């Protein structure tokens, strides 16, 4: 590969990453909207925001996905923790906490 090819590859890859970032943000938006719906249901059902059984299930699922895709498990779990905290925050707004 020469420098010109390397530059084309660099720019192409960055463009694709930009597109993926937009898709990730869209998915986070959808996930957050679902968290609001879950918060509404929890309010009616008088359930707590915290659900350690569900969180354990998600963490186990993420570990399996990380292993299968050879992605750093610790980093992927951190990302999911952030997403779960975002969702809890949205549920707290609905539940008035």
PDB file of N, CA and C in Angstrom:
ATOM      1  N   UNK A   1       0.856  -1.172   0.000  1.00  0.00           N
ATOM      2  CA  UNK A   1       0.000   0.000   0.000  1.00  0.00           C
ATOM      3  C   UNK A   1       0.905   1.240   0.000  1.00  0.00           C
ATOM      4  N   UNK A   2       0.587   2.163  -0.881  1.00  0.00           N
ATOM      5  CA  UNK A   2       1.353   3.407  -0.900  1.00  0.00           C
ATOM      6  C   UNK A   2       0.628   4.475  -0.073  1.00  0.00           C
ATOM      7  N   UNK A   3       1.226   5.649   0.023  1.00  0.00           N
ATOM      8  CA  UNK A   3       0.664   6.710   0.869  1.00  0.00           C
ATOM      9  C   UNK A   3      -0.703   7.176   0.371  1.00  0.00           C
ATOM     10  N   UNK A   4      -0.864   7.244  -0.933  1.00  0.00           N
ATOM     11  CA  UNK A   4      -2.153   7.667  -1.497  1.00  0.00           C
ATOM     12  C   UNK A   4      -3.256   6.677  -1.138  1.00  0.00           C
ATOM     13  N   UNK A   5      -2.965   5.395  -1.265  1.00  0.00           N
ATOM     14  CA  UNK A   5      -3.940   4.361  -0.890  1.00  0.00           C
ATOM     15  C   UNK A   5      -4.227   4.407   0.608  1.00  0.00           C
ATOM     16  N   UNK A   6      -3.192   4.641   1.390  1.00  0.00           N
ATOM     17  CA  UNK A   6      -3.360   4.718   2.841  1.00  0.00           C
ATOM     18  C   UNK A   6      -4.244   5.897   3.216  1.00  0.00           C
ATOM     19  N   UNK A   7      -4.058   7.020   2.562  1.00  0.00           N
ATOM     20  CA  UNK A   7      -4.877   8.201   2.841  1.00  0.00           C
ATOM     21  C   UNK A   7      -6.333   7.958   2.453  1.00  0.00           C
ATOM     22  N   UNK A   8      -6.559   7.318   1.317  1.00  0.00           N
ATOM     23  CA  UNK A   8      -7.925   6.978   0.893  1.00  0.00           C
ATOM     24  C   UNK A   8      -8.577   6.037   1.912  1.00  0.00           C
ATOM     25  N   UNK A   9      -7.824   5.046   2.351  1.00  0.00           N
ATOM     26  CA  UNK A   9      -8.339   4.096   3.337  1.00  0.00           C
ATOM     27  C   UNK A   9      -8.668   4.798   4.653  1.00  0.00           C
ATOM     28  N   UNK A  10      -7.777   5.686   5.083  1.00  0.00           N
ATOM     29  CA  UNK A  10      -7.992   6.440   6.315  1.00  0.00           C
ATOM     30  C   UNK A  10      -9.275   7.261   6.238  1.00  0.00           C
ATOM     31  N   UNK A  11      -9.438   8.007   5.149  1.00  0.00           N
ATOM     32  CA  UNK A  11     -10.624   8.853   4.996  1.00  0.00           C
ATOM     33  C   UNK A  11     -11.898   8.038   4.848  1.00  0.00           C
ATOM     34  N   UNK A  12     -11.818   6.953   4.110  1.00  0.00           N
ATOM     35  CA  UNK A  12     -12.972   6.077   3.937  1.00  0.00           C
ATOM     36  C   UNK A  12     -13.392   5.457   5.271  1.00  0.00           C
ATOM     37  N   UNK A  13     -12.423   4.974   6.018  1.00  0.00           N
ATOM     38  CA  UNK A  13     -12.707   4.352   7.321  1.00  0.00           C
ATOM     39  C   UNK A  13     -13.298   5.367   8.289  1.00  0.00           C
ATOM     40  N   UNK A  14     -12.760   6.569   8.290  1.00  0.00           N
ATOM     41  CA  UNK A  14     -13.305   7.615   9.163  1.00  0.00           C
ATOM     42  C   UNK A  14     -14.735   7.977   8.782  1.00  0.00           C
ATOM     43  N   UNK A  15     -15.008   8.019   7.496  1.00  0.00           N
ATOM     44  CA  UNK A  15     -16.373   8.290   7.045  1.00  0.00           C
ATOM     45  C   UNK A  15     -17.333   7.208   7.504  1.00  0.00           C
ATOM     46  N   UNK A  16     -16.888   5.979   7.406  1.00  0.00           N
ATOM     47  CA  UNK A  16     -17.734   4.866   7.858  1.00  0.00           C
ATOM     48  C   UNK A  16     -17.948   4.918   9.370  1.00  0.00           C
ATOM     49  N   UNK A  17     -16.911   5.285  10.120  1.00  0.00           N
ATOM     50  CA  UNK A  17     -17.050   5.426  11.574  1.00  0.00           C
ATOM     51  C   UNK A  17     -18.063   6.518  11.896  1.00  0.00           C
ATOM     52  N   UNK A  18     -18.033   7.632  11.156  1.00  0.00           N
ATOM     53  CA  UNK A  18     -19.012   8.701  11.368  1.00  0.00           C
ATOM     54  C   UNK A  18     -20.437   8.197  11.169  1.00  0.00           C
ATOM     55  N   UNK A  19     -20.651   7.395  10.142  1.00  0.00           N
ATOM     56  CA  UNK A  19     -21.972   6.825   9.887  1.00  0.00           C
ATOM     57  C   UNK A  19     -22.394   5.885  11.016  1.00  0.00           C
ATOM     58  N   UNK A  20     -21.465   5.073  11.461  1.00  0.00           N
ATOM     59  CA  UNK A  20     -21.754   4.136  12.552  1.00  0.00           C
ATOM     60  C   UNK A  20     -22.077   4.895  13.825  1.00  0.00           C
ATOM     61  N   UNK A  21     -21.348   5.980  14.095  1.00  0.00           N
ATOM     62  CA  UNK A  21     -21.622   6.795  15.281  1.00  0.00           C
ATOM     63  C   UNK A  21     -23.056   7.313  15.264  1.00  0.00           C
ATOM     64  N   UNK A  22     -23.507   7.761  14.109  1.00  0.00           N
ATOM     65  CA  UNK A  22     -24.887   8.240  13.986  1.00  0.00           C
ATOM     66  C   UNK A  22     -25.879   7.108  14.272  1.00  0.00           C
ATOM     67  N   UNK A  23     -25.591   5.917  13.776  1.00  0.00           N
ATOM     68  CA  UNK A  23     -26.460   4.767  14.025  1.00  0.00           C
ATOM     69  C   UNK A  23     -26.478   4.417  15.515  1.00  0.00           C
ATOM     70  N   UNK A  24     -25.313   4.479  16.155  1.00  0.00           N
ATOM     71  CA  UNK A  24     -25.229   4.189  17.586  1.00  0.00           C
ATOM     72  C   UNK A  24     -26.083   5.178  18.370  1.00  0.00           C
ATOM     73  N   UNK A  25     -25.982   6.453  18.021  1.00  0.00           N
ATOM     74  CA  UNK A  25     -26.769   7.471  18.719  1.00  0.00           C
ATOM     75  C   UNK A  25     -28.260   7.242  18.511  1.00  0.00           C
ATOM     76  N   UNK A  26     -28.646   6.863  17.303  1.00  0.00           N
ATOM     77  CA  UNK A  26     -30.054   6.557  17.029  1.00  0.00           C
ATOM     78  C   UNK A  26     -30.514   5.374  17.885  1.00  0.00           C
ATOM     79  N   UNK A  27     -29.691   4.357  17.997  1.00  0.00           N
ATOM     80  CA  UNK A  27     -30.044   3.192  18.824  1.00  0.00           C
ATOM     81  C   UNK A  27     -30.127   3.565  20.305  1.00  0.00           C
ATOM     82  N   UNK A  28     -29.242   4.417  20.762  1.00  0.00           N
ATOM     83  CA  UNK A  28     -29.303   4.870  22.155  1.00  0.00           C
ATOM     84  C   UNK A  28     -30.590   5.654  22.394  1.00  0.00           C
ATOM     85  N   UNK A  29     -30.974   6.464  21.430  1.00  0.00           N
ATOM     86  CA  UNK A  29     -32.223   7.221  21.527  1.00  0.00           C
ATOM     87  C   UNK A  29     -33.413   6.271  21.621  1.00  0.00           C
ATOM     88  N   UNK A  30     -33.422   5.250  20.792  1.00  0.00           N
ATOM     89  CA  UNK A  30     -34.510   4.257  20.832  1.00  0.00           C
ATOM     90  C   UNK A  30     -34.518   3.506  22.155  1.00  0.00           C
ATOM     91  N   UNK A  31     -33.327   3.146  22.644  1.00  0.00           N
ATOM     92  CA  UNK A  31     -33.212   2.415  23.918  1.00  0.00           C
ATOM     93  C   UNK A  31     -33.734   3.281  25.066  1.00  0.00           C
ATOM     94  N   UNK A  32     -33.412   4.569  25.028  1.00  0.00           N
ATOM     95  CA  UNK A  32     -33.852   5.488  26.066  1.00  0.00           C
ATOM     96  C   UNK A  32     -35.369   5.666  26.033  1.00  0.00           C
ATOM     97  N   UNK A  33     -35.945   5.716  24.835  1.00  0.00           N
ATOM     98  CA  UNK A  33     -37.400   5.816  24.720  1.00  0.00           C
ATOM     99  C   UNK A  33     -38.074   4.588  25.322  1.00  0.00           C
ATOM    100  N   UNK A  34     -37.486   3.428  25.105  1.00  0.00           N
ATOM    101  CA  UNK A  34     -38.036   2.204  25.704  1.00  0.00           C
ATOM    102  C   UNK A  34     -37.908   2.233  27.223  1.00  0.00           C
ATOM    103  N   UNK A  35     -36.825   2.816  27.714  1.00  0.00           N
ATOM    104  CA  UNK A  35     -36.647   2.935  29.163  1.00  0.00           C
ATOM    105  C   UNK A  35     -37.749   3.801  29.763  1.00  0.00           C
ATOM    106  N   UNK A  36     -38.148   4.835  29.037  1.00  0.00           N
ATOM    107  CA  UNK A  36     -39.251   5.677  29.505  1.00  0.00           C
ATOM    108  C   UNK A  36     -40.544   4.874  29.581  1.00  0.00           C
ATOM    109  N   UNK A  37     -40.777   4.038  28.572  1.00  0.00           N
ATOM    110  CA  UNK A  37     -41.969   3.183  28.588  1.00  0.00           C
ATOM    111  C   UNK A  37     -41.918   2.211  29.767  1.00  0.00           C
ATOM    112  N   UNK A  38     -40.731   1.662  30.015  1.00  0.00           N
ATOM    113  CA  UNK A  38     -40.560   0.748  31.147  1.00  0.00           C
ATOM    114  C   UNK A  38     -40.820   1.497  32.458  1.00  0.00           C
ATOM    115  N   UNK A  39     -40.332   2.731  32.540  1.00  0.00           N
ATOM    116  CA  UNK A  39     -40.575   3.548  33.735  1.00  0.00           C
ATOM    117  C   UNK A  39     -42.057   3.787  33.959  1.00  0.00           C
ATOM    118  N   UNK A  40     -42.786   4.039  32.888  1.00  0.00           N
ATOM    119  CA  UNK A  40     -44.231   4.234  32.993  1.00  0.00           C
ATOM    120  C   UNK A  40     -44.903   2.962  33.510  1.00  0.00           C
ATOM    121  N   UNK A  41     -44.510   1.814  32.971  1.00  0.00           N
ATOM    122  CA  UNK A  41     -45.072   0.537  33.423  1.00  0.00           C
ATOM    123  C   UNK A  41     -44.716   0.269  34.877  1.00  0.00           C
ATOM    124  N   UNK A  42     -43.477   0.562  35.262  1.00  0.00           N
ATOM    125  CA  UNK A  42     -43.054   0.344  36.647  1.00  0.00           C
ATOM    126  C   UNK A  42     -43.843   1.221  37.601  1.00  0.00           C
ATOM    127  N   UNK A  43     -44.166   2.432  37.167  1.00  0.00           N
ATOM    128  CA  UNK A  43     -44.950   3.332  38.015  1.00  0.00           C
ATOM    129  C   UNK A  43     -46.327   2.743  38.280  1.00  0.00           C
ATOM    130  N   UNK A  44     -46.973   2.259  37.237  1.00  0.00           N
ATOM    131  CA  UNK A  44     -48.304   1.656  37.371  1.00  0.00           C
ATOM    132  C   UNK A  44     -48.233   0.392  38.232  1.00  0.00           C
ATOM    133  N   UNK A  45     -47.173  -0.395  38.039  1.00  0.00           N
ATOM    134  CA  UNK A  45     -47.013  -1.658  38.765  1.00  0.00           C
ATOM    135  C   UNK A  45     -46.379  -1.476  40.140  1.00  0.00           C
ATOM    136  N   UNK A  46     -46.018  -0.227  40.470  1.00  0.00           N
ATOM    137  CA  UNK A  46     -45.387   0.094  41.746  1.00  0.00           C
ATOM    138  C   UNK A  46     -44.110  -0.733  41.953  1.00  0.00           C
ATOM    139  N   UNK A  47     -43.280  -0.772  40.925  1.00  0.00           N
ATOM    140  CA  UNK A  47     -42.022  -1.514  40.972  1.00  0.00           C
ATOM    141  C   UNK A  47     -40.856  -0.549  41.134  1.00  0.00           C
ATOM    142  N   UNK A  48     -39.785  -1.054  41.721  1.00  0.00           N
ATOM    143  CA  UNK A  48     -38.572  -0.273  41.877  1.00  0.00           C
ATOM    144  C   UNK A  48     -37.844  -0.141  40.545  1.00  0.00           C
ATOM    145  N   UNK A  49     -37.028   0.900  40.454  1.00  0.00           N
ATOM    146  CA  UNK A  49     -36.190   1.074  39.268  1.00  0.00           C
ATOM    147  C   UNK A  49     -35.150  -0.029  39.224  1.00  0.00           C
ATOM    148  N   UNK A  50     -34.520  -0.292  40.345  1.00  0.00           N
ATOM    149  CA  UNK A  50     -33.465  -1.299  40.418  1.00  0.00           C
ATOM    150  C   UNK A  50     -34.053  -2.691  40.211  1.00  0.00           C
ATOM    151  N   UNK A  51     -33.409  -3.450  39.350  1.00  0.00           N
ATOM    152  CA  UNK A  51     -33.792  -4.840  39.117  1.00  0.00           C
ATOM    153  C   UNK A  51     -32.492  -5.611  38.905  1.00  0.00           C
ATOM    154  N   UNK A  52     -31.903  -6.050  40.010  1.00  0.00           N
ATOM    155  CA  UNK A  52     -30.588  -6.687  39.937  1.00  0.00           C
ATOM    156  C   UNK A  52     -30.617  -7.967  39.107  1.00  0.00           C
ATOM    157  N   UNK A  53     -31.719  -8.673  39.123  1.00  0.00           N
ATOM    158  CA  UNK A  53     -31.829  -9.893  38.317  1.00  0.00           C
ATOM    159  C   UNK A  53     -31.709  -9.555  36.827  1.00  0.00           C
ATOM    160  N   UNK A  54     -32.390  -8.510  36.403  1.00  0.00           N
ATOM    161  CA  UNK A  54     -32.328  -8.077  35.000  1.00  0.00           C
ATOM    162  C   UNK A  54     -30.921  -7.567  34.664  1.00  0.00           C
ATOM    163  N   UNK A  55     -30.326  -6.808  35.572  1.00  0.00           N
ATOM    164  CA  UNK A  55     -28.981  -6.284  35.331  1.00  0.00           C
ATOM    165  C   UNK A  55     -27.961  -7.415  35.226  1.00  0.00           C
ATOM    166  N   UNK A  56     -28.097  -8.422  36.084  1.00  0.00           N
ATOM    167  CA  UNK A  56     -27.202  -9.585  36.005  1.00  0.00           C
ATOM    168  C   UNK A  56     -27.362 -10.302  34.672  1.00  0.00           C
ATOM    169  N   UNK A  57     -28.605 -10.429  34.229  1.00  0.00           N
ATOM    170  CA  UNK A  57     -28.875 -11.066  32.935  1.00  0.00           C
ATOM    171  C   UNK A  57     -28.189 -10.290  31.804  1.00  0.00           C
ATOM    172  N   UNK A  58     -28.331  -8.969  31.822  1.00  0.00           N
ATOM    173  CA  UNK A  58     -27.720  -8.138  30.780  1.00  0.00           C
ATOM    174  C   UNK A  58     -26.205  -8.266  30.810  1.00  0.00           C
ATOM    175  N   UNK A  59     -25.612  -8.238  31.990  1.00  0.00           N
ATOM    176  CA  UNK A  59     -24.156  -8.357  32.092  1.00  0.00           C
ATOM    177  C   UNK A  59     -23.669  -9.708  31.579  1.00  0.00           C
ATOM    178  N   UNK A  60     -24.375 -10.762  31.914  1.00  0.00           N
ATOM    179  CA  UNK A  60     -23.997 -12.091  31.414  1.00  0.00           C
ATOM    180  C   UNK A  60     -24.100 -12.144  29.892  1.00  0.00           C
ATOM    181  N   UNK A  61     -25.164 -11.562  29.366  1.00  0.00           N
ATOM    182  CA  UNK A  61     -25.365 -11.535  27.916  1.00  0.00           C
ATOM    183  C   UNK A  61     -24.240 -10.751  27.239  1.00  0.00           C
ATOM    184  N   UNK A  62     -23.869  -9.627  27.808  1.00  0.00           N
ATOM    185  CA  UNK A  62     -22.804  -8.796  27.238  1.00  0.00           C
ATOM    186  C   UNK A  62     -21.472  -9.530  27.273  1.00  0.00           C
ATOM    187  N   UNK A  63     -21.201 -10.248  28.350  1.00  0.00           N
ATOM    188  CA  UNK A  63     -19.957 -11.017  28.447  1.00  0.00           C
ATOM    189  C   UNK A  63     -19.871 -12.054  27.330  1.00  0.00           C
ATOM    190  N   UNK A  64     -20.990 -12.721  27.067  1.00  0.00           N
ATOM    191  CA  UNK A  64     -21.021 -13.726  25.998  1.00  0.00           C
ATOM    192  C   UNK A  64     -20.818 -13.074  24.627  1.00  0.00           C
ATOM    193  N   UNK A  65     -21.458 -11.941  24.420  1.00  0.00           N
ATOM    194  CA  UNK A  65     -21.318 -11.228  23.148  1.00  0.00           C
ATOM    195  C   UNK A  65     -19.875 -10.760  22.966  1.00  0.00           C
ATOM    196  N   UNK A  66     -19.283 -10.246  24.035  1.00  0.00           N
ATOM    197  CA  UNK A  66     -17.893  -9.785  23.961  1.00  0.00           C
ATOM    198  C   UNK A  66     -16.958 -10.931  23.602  1.00  0.00           C
ATOM    199  N   UNK A  67     -17.161 -12.049  24.260  1.00  0.00           N
ATOM    200  CA  UNK A  67     -16.305 -13.212  23.993  1.00  0.00           C
ATOM    201  C   UNK A  67     -16.474 -13.691  22.554  1.00  0.00           C
ATOM    202  N   UNK A  68     -17.719 -13.791  22.117  1.00  0.00           N
ATOM    203  CA  UNK A  68     -18.016 -14.263  20.768  1.00  0.00           C
ATOM    204  C   UNK A  68     -17.390 -13.362  19.708  1.00  0.00           C
ATOM    205  N   UNK A  69     -17.424 -12.054  19.945  1.00  0.00           N
ATOM    206  CA  UNK A  69     -16.927 -11.085  18.967  1.00  0.00           C
ATOM    207  C   UNK A  69     -15.506 -10.611  19.243  1.00  0.00           C
ATOM    208  N   UNK A  70     -14.888 -11.220  20.252  1.00  0.00           N
ATOM    209  CA  UNK A  70     -13.506 -10.886  20.612  1.00  0.00           C
ATOM    210  C   UNK A  70     -13.325  -9.392  20.870  1.00  0.00           C
ATOM    211  N   UNK A  71     -14.261  -8.853  21.676  1.00  0.00           N
ATOM    212  CA  UNK A  71     -14.228  -7.452  22.087  1.00  0.00           C
ATOM    213  C   UNK A  71     -13.862  -7.434  23.572  1.00  0.00           C
ATOM    214  N   UNK A  72     -13.128  -6.426  23.987  1.00  0.00           N
ATOM    215  CA  UNK A  72     -12.725  -6.315  25.381  1.00  0.00           C
ATOM    216  C   UNK A  72     -13.960  -6.276  26.276  1.00  0.00           C
ATOM    217  N   UNK A  73     -14.116  -7.307  27.095  1.00  0.00           N
ATOM    218  CA  UNK A  73     -15.299  -7.463  27.945  1.00  0.00           C
ATOM    219  C   UNK A  73     -15.459  -6.299  28.917  1.00  0.00           C
ATOM    220  N   UNK A  74     -14.370  -5.893  29.550  1.00  0.00           N
ATOM    221  CA  UNK A  74     -14.431  -4.817  30.549  1.00  0.00           C
ATOM    222  C   UNK A  74     -14.929  -3.518  29.921  1.00  0.00           C
ATOM    223  N   UNK A  75     -14.411  -3.185  28.766  1.00  0.00           N
ATOM    224  CA  UNK A  75     -14.825  -1.954  28.083  1.00  0.00           C
ATOM    225  C   UNK A  75     -16.291  -2.021  27.666  1.00  0.00           C
ATOM    226  N   UNK A  76     -16.705  -3.162  27.144  1.00  0.00           N
ATOM    227  CA  UNK A  76     -18.093  -3.314  26.716  1.00  0.00           C
ATOM    228  C   UNK A  76     -19.042  -3.235  27.906  1.00  0.00           C
ATOM    229  N   UNK A  77     -18.654  -3.813  29.033  1.00  0.00           N
ATOM    230  CA  UNK A  77     -19.482  -3.725  30.238  1.00  0.00           C
ATOM    231  C   UNK A  77     -19.585  -2.284  30.728  1.00  0.00           C
ATOM    232  N   UNK A  78     -18.507  -1.514  30.608  1.00  0.00           N
ATOM    233  CA  UNK A  78     -18.550  -0.099  30.998  1.00  0.00           C
ATOM    234  C   UNK A  78     -19.550   0.668  30.145  1.00  0.00           C
ATOM    235  N   UNK A  79     -19.541   0.389  28.847  1.00  0.00           N
ATOM    236  CA  UNK A  79     -20.489   1.051  27.957  1.00  0.00           C
ATOM    237  C   UNK A  79     -21.916   0.700  28.355  1.00  0.00           C
ATOM    238  N   UNK A  80     -22.165  -0.568  28.623  1.00  0.00           N
ATOM    239  CA  UNK A  80     -23.510  -0.989  29.011  1.00  0.00           C
ATOM    240  C   UNK A  80     -23.911  -0.404  30.353  1.00  0.00           C
ATOM    241  N   UNK A  81     -22.960  -0.273  31.274  1.00  0.00           N
ATOM    242  CA  UNK A  81     -23.257   0.359  32.565  1.00  0.00           C
ATOM    243  C   UNK A  81     -23.713   1.802  32.360  1.00  0.00           C
ATOM    244  N   UNK A  82     -23.044   2.498  31.448  1.00  0.00           N
ATOM    245  CA  UNK A  82     -23.434   3.876  31.143  1.00  0.00           C
ATOM    246  C   UNK A  82     -24.850   3.911  30.567  1.00  0.00           C
ATOM    247  N   UNK A  83     -25.144   2.999  29.661  1.00  0.00           N
ATOM    248  CA  UNK A  83     -26.476   2.951  29.066  1.00  0.00           C
ATOM    249  C   UNK A  83     -27.542   2.626  30.115  1.00  0.00           C
ATOM    250  N   UNK A  84     -27.232   1.706  31.008  1.00  0.00           N
ATOM    251  CA  UNK A  84     -28.203   1.351  32.051  1.00  0.00           C
ATOM    252  C   UNK A  84     -28.417   2.522  33.009  1.00  0.00           C
ATOM    253  N   UNK A  85     -27.352   3.263  33.331  1.00  0.00           N
ATOM    254  CA  UNK A  85     -27.493   4.443  34.191  1.00  0.00           C
ATOM    255  C   UNK A  85     -28.343   5.511  33.507  1.00  0.00           C
ATOM    256  N   UNK A  86     -28.138   5.694  32.212  1.00  0.00           N
ATOM    257  CA  UNK A  86     -28.955   6.636  31.445  1.00  0.00           C
ATOM    258  C   UNK A  86     -30.421   6.229  31.516  1.00  0.00           C
ATOM    259  N   UNK A  87     -30.684   4.949  31.350  1.00  0.00           N
ATOM    260  CA  UNK A  87     -32.064   4.466  31.400  1.00  0.00           C
ATOM    261  C   UNK A  87     -32.677   4.618  32.788  1.00  0.00           C
ATOM    262  N   UNK A  88     -31.892   4.341  33.821  1.00  0.00           N
ATOM    263  CA  UNK A  88     -32.395   4.518  35.192  1.00  0.00           C
ATOM    264  C   UNK A  88     -32.727   5.976  35.453  1.00  0.00           C
ATOM    265  N   UNK A  89     -31.890   6.867  34.944  1.00  0.00           N
ATOM    266  CA  UNK A  89     -32.123   8.300  35.102  1.00  0.00           C
ATOM    267  C   UNK A  89     -33.451   8.711  34.469  1.00  0.00           C
ATOM    268  N   UNK A  90     -33.723   8.172  33.289  1.00  0.00           N
ATOM    269  CA  UNK A  90     -34.993   8.464  32.618  1.00  0.00           C
ATOM    270  C   UNK A  90     -36.171   7.897  33.408  1.00  0.00           C
ATOM    271  N   UNK A  91     -36.005   6.718  33.972  1.00  0.00           N
ATOM    272  CA  UNK A  91     -37.068   6.116  34.766  1.00  0.00           C
ATOM    273  C   UNK A  91     -37.300   6.909  36.050  1.00  0.00           C
ATOM    274  N   UNK A  92     -36.229   7.432  36.637  1.00  0.00           N
ATOM    275  CA  UNK A  92     -36.358   8.240  37.853  1.00  0.00           C
ATOM    276  C   UNK A  92     -37.208   9.489  37.579  1.00  0.00           C
ATOM    277  N   UNK A  93     -37.046  10.083  36.425  1.00  0.00           N
ATOM    278  CA  UNK A  93     -37.846  11.249  36.065  1.00  0.00           C
ATOM    279  C   UNK A  93     -39.330  10.897  36.057  1.00  0.00           C
ATOM    280  N   UNK A  94     -39.648   9.747  35.497  1.00  0.00           N
ATOM    281  CA  UNK A  94     -41.041   9.315  35.394  1.00  0.00           C
ATOM    282  C   UNK A  94     -41.601   8.945  36.765  1.00  0.00           C
ATOM    283  N   UNK A  95     -40.773   8.280  37.559  1.00  0.00           N
ATOM    284  CA  UNK A  95     -41.231   7.842  38.875  1.00  0.00           C
ATOM    285  C   UNK A  95     -41.123   8.950  39.927  1.00  0.00           C
ATOM    286  N   UNK A  96     -40.607  10.097  39.517  1.00  0.00           N
ATOM    287  CA  UNK A  96     -40.538  11.239  40.432  1.00  0.00           C
ATOM    288  C   UNK A  96     -39.547  11.062  41.559  1.00  0.00           C
ATOM    289  N   UNK A  97     -38.407  10.473  41.247  1.00  0.00           N
ATOM    290  CA  UNK A  97     -37.387  10.245  42.290  1.00  0.00           C
ATOM    291  C   UNK A  97     -36.162  11.045  42.039  1.00  0.00           C
TER     292      UNK A  97
END
